[in-house]
Amino acid sequence: MRPFEIIYIVLIAWGALQHLYKKEKRKNSILLYKIIFSIFLIHFFLEQYRWQMLPAYLLGITLIFNYNKNISHAMKTLF
């Protein structure tokens, strides 16, 4: 695996584990999702897209939208 793929998967796992906690107990989750999105963009453009990573890409998108429950709010979180 490539370095940014490993970093991305570790961050996705960390984000998935945070969903087990209540929203009040989650710390820096907005920062985590911004980092996940940044690593995704770096990986996507520098290391190129790989079809084997599609489940991880979809899980990252699902985590971000599941956290916000609203597409417009999710976009504000990312940018």
PDB file of N, CA and C in Angstrom:
ATOM      1  N   MET A   1       0.832  -1.186   0.000  1.00  0.00           N
ATOM      2  CA  MET A   1       0.000   0.000   0.000  1.00  0.00           C
ATOM      3  C   MET A   1       0.875   1.247   0.000  1.00  0.00           C
ATOM      4  N   ARG A   2       0.328   2.270  -0.548  1.00  0.00           N
ATOM      5  CA  ARG A   2       1.036   3.546  -0.608  1.00  0.00           C
ATOM      6  C   ARG A   2       0.888   4.291   0.720  1.00  0.00           C
ATOM      7  N   PRO A   3       1.820   5.196   1.006  1.00  0.00           N
ATOM      8  CA  PRO A   3       1.806   5.885   2.317  1.00  0.00           C
ATOM      9  C   PRO A   3       0.512   6.639   2.622  1.00  0.00           C
ATOM     10  N   PHE A   4      -0.010   7.392   1.669  1.00  0.00           N
ATOM     11  CA  PHE A   4      -1.229   8.155   1.947  1.00  0.00           C
ATOM     12  C   PHE A   4      -2.455   7.251   2.052  1.00  0.00           C
ATOM     13  N   GLU A   5      -2.414   6.087   1.419  1.00  0.00           N
ATOM     14  CA  GLU A   5      -3.504   5.124   1.582  1.00  0.00           C
ATOM     15  C   GLU A   5      -3.541   4.616   3.014  1.00  0.00           C
ATOM     16  N   ILE A   6      -2.384   4.317   3.560  1.00  0.00           N
ATOM     17  CA  ILE A   6      -2.307   3.829   4.938  1.00  0.00           C
ATOM     18  C   ILE A   6      -2.778   4.908   5.904  1.00  0.00           C
ATOM     19  N   ILE A   7      -2.301   6.127   5.703  1.00  0.00           N
ATOM     20  CA  ILE A   7      -2.714   7.236   6.572  1.00  0.00           C
ATOM     21  C   ILE A   7      -4.222   7.440   6.472  1.00  0.00           C
ATOM     22  N   TYR A   8      -4.755   7.399   5.270  1.00  0.00           N
ATOM     23  CA  TYR A   8      -6.193   7.598   5.060  1.00  0.00           C
ATOM     24  C   TYR A   8      -7.008   6.519   5.770  1.00  0.00           C
ATOM     25  N   ILE A   9      -6.591   5.270   5.649  1.00  0.00           N
ATOM     26  CA  ILE A   9      -7.327   4.171   6.278  1.00  0.00           C
ATOM     27  C   ILE A   9      -7.261   4.265   7.799  1.00  0.00           C
ATOM     28  N   VAL A  10      -6.111   4.644   8.343  1.00  0.00           N
ATOM     29  CA  VAL A  10      -5.995   4.807   9.798  1.00  0.00           C
ATOM     30  C   VAL A  10      -6.922   5.921  10.278  1.00  0.00           C
ATOM     31  N   LEU A  11      -6.958   7.031   9.563  1.00  0.00           N
ATOM     32  CA  LEU A  11      -7.834   8.136   9.953  1.00  0.00           C
ATOM     33  C   LEU A  11      -9.312   7.768   9.821  1.00  0.00           C
ATOM     34  N   ILE A  12      -9.659   7.004   8.802  1.00  0.00           N
ATOM     35  CA  ILE A  12     -11.039   6.544   8.636  1.00  0.00           C
ATOM     36  C   ILE A  12     -11.420   5.631   9.799  1.00  0.00           C
ATOM     37  N   ALA A  13     -10.510   4.744  10.190  1.00  0.00           N
ATOM     38  CA  ALA A  13     -10.790   3.862  11.333  1.00  0.00           C
ATOM     39  C   ALA A  13     -10.980   4.679  12.604  1.00  0.00           C
ATOM     40  N   TRP A  14     -10.152   5.683  12.786  1.00  0.00           N
ATOM     41  CA  TRP A  14     -10.271   6.559  13.959  1.00  0.00           C
ATOM     42  C   TRP A  14     -11.619   7.286  13.946  1.00  0.00           C
ATOM     43  N   GLY A  15     -12.012   7.780  12.789  1.00  0.00           N
ATOM     44  CA  GLY A  15     -13.307   8.449  12.668  1.00  0.00           C
ATOM     45  C   GLY A  15     -14.469   7.500  12.920  1.00  0.00           C
ATOM     46  N   ALA A  16     -14.349   6.255  12.443  1.00  0.00           N
ATOM     47  CA  ALA A  16     -15.409   5.274  12.681  1.00  0.00           C
ATOM     48  C   ALA A  16     -15.512   4.934  14.164  1.00  0.00           C
ATOM     49  N   LEU A  17     -14.379   4.848  14.834  1.00  0.00           N
ATOM     50  CA  LEU A  17     -14.400   4.577  16.273  1.00  0.00           C
ATOM     51  C   LEU A  17     -15.011   5.733  17.051  1.00  0.00           C
ATOM     52  N   GLN A  18     -14.828   6.937  16.574  1.00  0.00           N
ATOM     53  CA  GLN A  18     -15.413   8.091  17.255  1.00  0.00           C
ATOM     54  C   GLN A  18     -16.933   8.078  17.199  1.00  0.00           C
ATOM     55  N   HIS A  19     -17.504   7.412  16.204  1.00  0.00           N
ATOM     56  CA  HIS A  19     -18.961   7.351  16.104  1.00  0.00           C
ATOM     57  C   HIS A  19     -19.566   6.470  17.194  1.00  0.00           C
ATOM     58  N   LEU A  20     -18.737   5.708  17.891  1.00  0.00           N
ATOM     59  CA  LEU A  20     -19.238   4.898  18.996  1.00  0.00           C
ATOM     60  C   LEU A  20     -19.493   5.735  20.240  1.00  0.00           C
ATOM     61  N   TYR A  21     -18.890   6.909  20.301  1.00  0.00           N
ATOM     62  CA  TYR A  21     -19.045   7.794  21.453  1.00  0.00           C
ATOM     63  C   TYR A  21     -20.158   8.805  21.191  1.00  0.00           C
ATOM     64  N   LYS A  22     -20.687   9.364  22.254  1.00  0.00           N
ATOM     65  CA  LYS A  22     -21.696  10.413  22.115  1.00  0.00           C
ATOM     66  C   LYS A  22     -21.048  11.656  21.518  1.00  0.00           C
ATOM     67  N   LYS A  23     -21.857  12.468  20.861  1.00  0.00           N
ATOM     68  CA  LYS A  23     -21.317  13.672  20.230  1.00  0.00           C
ATOM     69  C   LYS A  23     -20.652  14.597  21.235  1.00  0.00           C
ATOM     70  N   GLU A  24     -21.156  14.625  22.454  1.00  0.00           N
ATOM     71  CA  GLU A  24     -20.576  15.504  23.469  1.00  0.00           C
ATOM     72  C   GLU A  24     -19.174  15.052  23.883  1.00  0.00           C
ATOM     73  N   LYS A  25     -18.913  13.748  23.790  1.00  0.00           N
ATOM     74  CA  LYS A  25     -17.614  13.226  24.225  1.00  0.00           C
ATOM     75  C   LYS A  25     -16.574  13.193  23.107  1.00  0.00           C
ATOM     76  N   ARG A  26     -17.007  13.404  21.880  1.00  0.00           N
ATOM     77  CA  ARG A  26     -16.062  13.416  20.762  1.00  0.00           C
ATOM     78  C   ARG A  26     -15.246  14.697  20.829  1.00  0.00           C
ATOM     79  N   LYS A  27     -13.953  14.548  20.664  1.00  0.00           N
ATOM     80  CA  LYS A  27     -13.083  15.717  20.706  1.00  0.00           C
ATOM     81  C   LYS A  27     -12.439  15.917  19.338  1.00  0.00           C
ATOM     82  N   ASN A  28     -12.480  17.133  18.879  1.00  0.00           N
ATOM     83  CA  ASN A  28     -11.834  17.523  17.620  1.00  0.00           C
ATOM     84  C   ASN A  28     -12.334  16.730  16.418  1.00  0.00           C
ATOM     85  N   SER A  29     -13.595  16.352  16.399  1.00  0.00           N
ATOM     86  CA  SER A  29     -14.088  15.559  15.280  1.00  0.00           C
ATOM     87  C   SER A  29     -14.160  16.374  13.992  1.00  0.00           C
ATOM     88  N   ILE A  30     -14.458  17.662  14.083  1.00  0.00           N
ATOM     89  CA  ILE A  30     -14.477  18.491  12.873  1.00  0.00           C
ATOM     90  C   ILE A  30     -13.069  18.588  12.298  1.00  0.00           C
ATOM     91  N   LEU A  31     -12.093  18.752  13.162  1.00  0.00           N
ATOM     92  CA  LEU A  31     -10.702  18.787  12.707  1.00  0.00           C
ATOM     93  C   LEU A  31     -10.311  17.455  12.074  1.00  0.00           C
ATOM     94  N   LEU A  32     -10.736  16.352  12.675  1.00  0.00           N
ATOM     95  CA  LEU A  32     -10.434  15.030  12.127  1.00  0.00           C
ATOM     96  C   LEU A  32     -11.010  14.884  10.726  1.00  0.00           C
ATOM     97  N   TYR A  33     -12.251  15.320  10.514  1.00  0.00           N
ATOM     98  CA  TYR A  33     -12.863  15.186   9.198  1.00  0.00           C
ATOM     99  C   TYR A  33     -12.198  16.093   8.169  1.00  0.00           C
ATOM    100  N   LYS A  34     -11.732  17.243   8.589  1.00  0.00           N
ATOM    101  CA  LYS A  34     -10.981  18.104   7.673  1.00  0.00           C
ATOM    102  C   LYS A  34      -9.655  17.455   7.290  1.00  0.00           C
ATOM    103  N   ILE A  35      -9.006  16.813   8.249  1.00  0.00           N
ATOM    104  CA  ILE A  35      -7.743  16.121   7.960  1.00  0.00           C
ATOM    105  C   ILE A  35      -7.998  14.937   7.035  1.00  0.00           C
ATOM    106  N   ILE A  36      -9.062  14.184   7.295  1.00  0.00           N
ATOM    107  CA  ILE A  36      -9.402  13.050   6.427  1.00  0.00           C
ATOM    108  C   ILE A  36      -9.629  13.537   4.996  1.00  0.00           C
ATOM    109  N   PHE A  37     -10.378  14.613   4.845  1.00  0.00           N
ATOM    110  CA  PHE A  37     -10.654  15.150   3.510  1.00  0.00           C
ATOM    111  C   PHE A  37      -9.369  15.638   2.842  1.00  0.00           C
ATOM    112  N   SER A  38      -8.493  16.275   3.603  1.00  0.00           N
ATOM    113  CA  SER A  38      -7.220  16.758   3.050  1.00  0.00           C
ATOM    114  C   SER A  38      -6.346  15.601   2.590  1.00  0.00           C
ATOM    115  N   ILE A  39      -6.251  14.564   3.415  1.00  0.00           N
ATOM    116  CA  ILE A  39      -5.456  13.389   3.042  1.00  0.00           C
ATOM    117  C   ILE A  39      -6.066  12.714   1.817  1.00  0.00           C
ATOM    118  N   PHE A  40      -7.393  12.686   1.754  1.00  0.00           N
ATOM    119  CA  PHE A  40      -8.058  12.121   0.584  1.00  0.00           C
ATOM    120  C   PHE A  40      -7.661  12.879  -0.680  1.00  0.00           C
ATOM    121  N   LEU A  41      -7.706  14.205  -0.627  1.00  0.00           N
ATOM    122  CA  LEU A  41      -7.346  15.002  -1.807  1.00  0.00           C
ATOM    123  C   LEU A  41      -5.883  14.810  -2.188  1.00  0.00           C
ATOM    124  N   ILE A  42      -5.000  14.811  -1.193  1.00  0.00           N
ATOM    125  CA  ILE A  42      -3.575  14.595  -1.474  1.00  0.00           C
ATOM    126  C   ILE A  42      -3.373  13.227  -2.109  1.00  0.00           C
ATOM    127  N   HIS A  43      -3.989  12.216  -1.525  1.00  0.00           N
ATOM    128  CA  HIS A  43      -3.863  10.861  -2.069  1.00  0.00           C
ATOM    129  C   HIS A  43      -4.450  10.783  -3.476  1.00  0.00           C
ATOM    130  N   PHE A  44      -5.603  11.381  -3.666  1.00  0.00           N
ATOM    131  CA  PHE A  44      -6.297  11.284  -4.945  1.00  0.00           C
ATOM    132  C   PHE A  44      -5.503  11.928  -6.075  1.00  0.00           C
ATOM    133  N   PHE A  45      -4.865  13.065  -5.801  1.00  0.00           N
ATOM    134  CA  PHE A  45      -4.166  13.773  -6.868  1.00  0.00           C
ATOM    135  C   PHE A  45      -2.687  13.413  -6.979  1.00  0.00           C
ATOM    136  N   LEU A  46      -2.034  13.088  -5.880  1.00  0.00           N
ATOM    137  CA  LEU A  46      -0.609  12.759  -5.951  1.00  0.00           C
ATOM    138  C   LEU A  46      -0.358  11.283  -6.245  1.00  0.00           C
ATOM    139  N   GLU A  47      -1.077  10.420  -5.559  1.00  0.00           N
ATOM    140  CA  GLU A  47      -0.835   8.987  -5.720  1.00  0.00           C
ATOM    141  C   GLU A  47      -1.792   8.338  -6.710  1.00  0.00           C
ATOM    142  N   GLN A  48      -2.761   9.078  -7.159  1.00  0.00           N
ATOM    143  CA  GLN A  48      -3.770   8.634  -8.117  1.00  0.00           C
ATOM    144  C   GLN A  48      -4.781   7.687  -7.477  1.00  0.00           C
ATOM    145  N   TYR A  49      -5.938   7.697  -8.050  1.00  0.00           N
ATOM    146  CA  TYR A  49      -7.079   6.902  -7.602  1.00  0.00           C
ATOM    147  C   TYR A  49      -6.828   5.422  -7.882  1.00  0.00           C
ATOM    148  N   ARG A  50      -7.247   4.550  -6.962  1.00  0.00           N
ATOM    149  CA  ARG A  50      -7.179   3.100  -7.175  1.00  0.00           C
ATOM    150  C   ARG A  50      -8.538   2.506  -6.851  1.00  0.00           C
ATOM    151  N   TRP A  51      -9.004   1.600  -7.694  1.00  0.00           N
ATOM    152  CA  TRP A  51     -10.337   1.043  -7.498  1.00  0.00           C
ATOM    153  C   TRP A  51     -10.416   0.209  -6.222  1.00  0.00           C
ATOM    154  N   GLN A  52      -9.300  -0.332  -5.744  1.00  0.00           N
ATOM    155  CA  GLN A  52      -9.306  -1.127  -4.522  1.00  0.00           C
ATOM    156  C   GLN A  52      -9.632  -0.276  -3.292  1.00  0.00           C
ATOM    157  N   MET A  53      -9.444   1.027  -3.404  1.00  0.00           N
ATOM    158  CA  MET A  53      -9.696   1.937  -2.287  1.00  0.00           C
ATOM    159  C   MET A  53     -11.128   2.490  -2.291  1.00  0.00           C
ATOM    160  N   LEU A  54     -11.954   2.096  -3.249  1.00  0.00           N
ATOM    161  CA  LEU A  54     -13.326   2.611  -3.319  1.00  0.00           C
ATOM    162  C   LEU A  54     -14.108   2.434  -2.018  1.00  0.00           C
ATOM    163  N   PRO A  55     -14.061   1.268  -1.355  1.00  0.00           N
ATOM    164  CA  PRO A  55     -14.781   1.158  -0.077  1.00  0.00           C
ATOM    165  C   PRO A  55     -14.294   2.170   0.963  1.00  0.00           C
ATOM    166  N   ALA A  56     -13.011   2.440   1.000  1.00  0.00           N
ATOM    167  CA  ALA A  56     -12.480   3.423   1.955  1.00  0.00           C
ATOM    168  C   ALA A  56     -12.936   4.832   1.585  1.00  0.00           C
ATOM    169  N   TYR A  57     -12.964   5.146   0.291  1.00  0.00           N
ATOM    170  CA  TYR A  57     -13.444   6.462  -0.134  1.00  0.00           C
ATOM    171  C   TYR A  57     -14.911   6.643   0.266  1.00  0.00           C
ATOM    172  N   LEU A  58     -15.717   5.630   0.009  1.00  0.00           N
ATOM    173  CA  LEU A  58     -17.136   5.711   0.341  1.00  0.00           C
ATOM    174  C   LEU A  58     -17.355   5.791   1.848  1.00  0.00           C
ATOM    175  N   LEU A  59     -16.547   5.075   2.614  1.00  0.00           N
ATOM    176  CA  LEU A  59     -16.672   5.135   4.070  1.00  0.00           C
ATOM    177  C   LEU A  59     -16.318   6.524   4.585  1.00  0.00           C
ATOM    178  N   GLY A  60     -15.302   7.142   4.011  1.00  0.00           N
ATOM    179  CA  GLY A  60     -14.938   8.498   4.414  1.00  0.00           C
ATOM    180  C   GLY A  60     -16.047   9.488   4.135  1.00  0.00           C
ATOM    181  N   ILE A  61     -16.642   9.396   2.963  1.00  0.00           N
ATOM    182  CA  ILE A  61     -17.752  10.284   2.610  1.00  0.00           C
ATOM    183  C   ILE A  61     -18.947  10.023   3.522  1.00  0.00           C
ATOM    184  N   THR A  62     -19.224   8.754   3.792  1.00  0.00           N
ATOM    185  CA  THR A  62     -20.334   8.393   4.672  1.00  0.00           C
ATOM    186  C   THR A  62     -20.123   8.925   6.079  1.00  0.00           C
ATOM    187  N   LEU A  63     -18.907   8.827   6.596  1.00  0.00           N
ATOM    188  CA  LEU A  63     -18.622   9.330   7.943  1.00  0.00           C
ATOM    189  C   LEU A  63     -18.861  10.831   8.037  1.00  0.00           C
ATOM    190  N   ILE A  64     -18.396  11.556   7.041  1.00  0.00           N
ATOM    191  CA  ILE A  64     -18.542  13.013   7.070  1.00  0.00           C
ATOM    192  C   ILE A  64     -20.013  13.412   6.986  1.00  0.00           C
ATOM    193  N   PHE A  65     -20.767  12.797   6.069  1.00  0.00           N
ATOM    194  CA  PHE A  65     -22.180  13.154   5.937  1.00  0.00           C
ATOM    195  C   PHE A  65     -23.010  12.626   7.101  1.00  0.00           C
ATOM    196  N   ASN A  66     -22.627  11.491   7.654  1.00  0.00           N
ATOM    197  CA  ASN A  66     -23.343  10.956   8.808  1.00  0.00           C
ATOM    198  C   ASN A  66     -23.136  11.844  10.030  1.00  0.00           C
ATOM    199  N   TYR A  67     -21.970  12.419  10.147  1.00  0.00           N
ATOM    200  CA  TYR A  67     -21.695  13.310  11.274  1.00  0.00           C
ATOM    201  C   TYR A  67     -22.555  14.564  11.188  1.00  0.00           C
ATOM    202  N   ASN A  68     -22.716  15.084  10.002  1.00  0.00           N
ATOM    203  CA  ASN A  68     -23.421  16.355   9.828  1.00  0.00           C
ATOM    204  C   ASN A  68     -24.910  16.201   9.548  1.00  0.00           C
ATOM    205  N   LYS A  69     -25.319  15.100   8.939  1.00  0.00           N
ATOM    206  CA  LYS A  69     -26.720  14.845   8.586  1.00  0.00           C
ATOM    207  C   LYS A  69     -27.299  15.870   7.614  1.00  0.00           C
ATOM    208  N   ASN A  70     -26.455  16.698   7.043  1.00  0.00           N
ATOM    209  CA  ASN A  70     -26.942  17.757   6.166  1.00  0.00           C
ATOM    210  C   ASN A  70     -25.832  18.078   5.169  1.00  0.00           C
ATOM    211  N   ILE A  71     -26.141  18.030   3.892  1.00  0.00           N
ATOM    212  CA  ILE A  71     -25.116  18.214   2.869  1.00  0.00           C
ATOM    213  C   ILE A  71     -24.515  19.616   2.912  1.00  0.00           C
ATOM    214  N   SER A  72     -25.335  20.637   3.067  1.00  0.00           N
ATOM    215  CA  SER A  72     -24.790  22.000   3.073  1.00  0.00           C
ATOM    216  C   SER A  72     -23.909  22.230   4.301  1.00  0.00           C
ATOM    217  N   HIS A  73     -24.293  21.668   5.433  1.00  0.00           N
ATOM    218  CA  HIS A  73     -23.465  21.806   6.637  1.00  0.00           C
ATOM    219  C   HIS A  73     -22.170  21.007   6.490  1.00  0.00           C
ATOM    220  N   ALA A  74     -22.232  19.865   5.808  1.00  0.00           N
ATOM    221  CA  ALA A  74     -21.027  19.069   5.577  1.00  0.00           C
ATOM    222  C   ALA A  74     -20.038  19.834   4.710  1.00  0.00           C
ATOM    223  N   MET A  75     -20.538  20.534   3.704  1.00  0.00           N
ATOM    224  CA  MET A  75     -19.651  21.322   2.852  1.00  0.00           C
ATOM    225  C   MET A  75     -19.009  22.463   3.631  1.00  0.00           C
ATOM    226  N   LYS A  76     -19.751  23.067   4.546  1.00  0.00           N
ATOM    227  CA  LYS A  76     -19.174  24.121   5.384  1.00  0.00           C
ATOM    228  C   LYS A  76     -18.111  23.552   6.309  1.00  0.00           C
ATOM    229  N   THR A  77     -18.303  22.311   6.766  1.00  0.00           N
ATOM    230  CA  THR A  77     -17.318  21.669   7.632  1.00  0.00           C
ATOM    231  C   THR A  77     -16.018  21.428   6.881  1.00  0.00           C
ATOM    232  N   LEU A  78     -16.124  20.999   5.632  1.00  0.00           N
ATOM    233  CA  LEU A  78     -14.931  20.652   4.863  1.00  0.00           C
ATOM    234  C   LEU A  78     -14.175  21.873   4.374  1.00  0.00           C
ATOM    235  N   PHE A  79     -14.880  22.942   4.059  1.00  0.00           N
ATOM    236  CA  PHE A  79     -14.217  24.100   3.459  1.00  0.00           C
ATOM    237  C   PHE A  79     -14.316  25.283   4.309  1.00  0.00           C
TER     238      PHE A  79
END
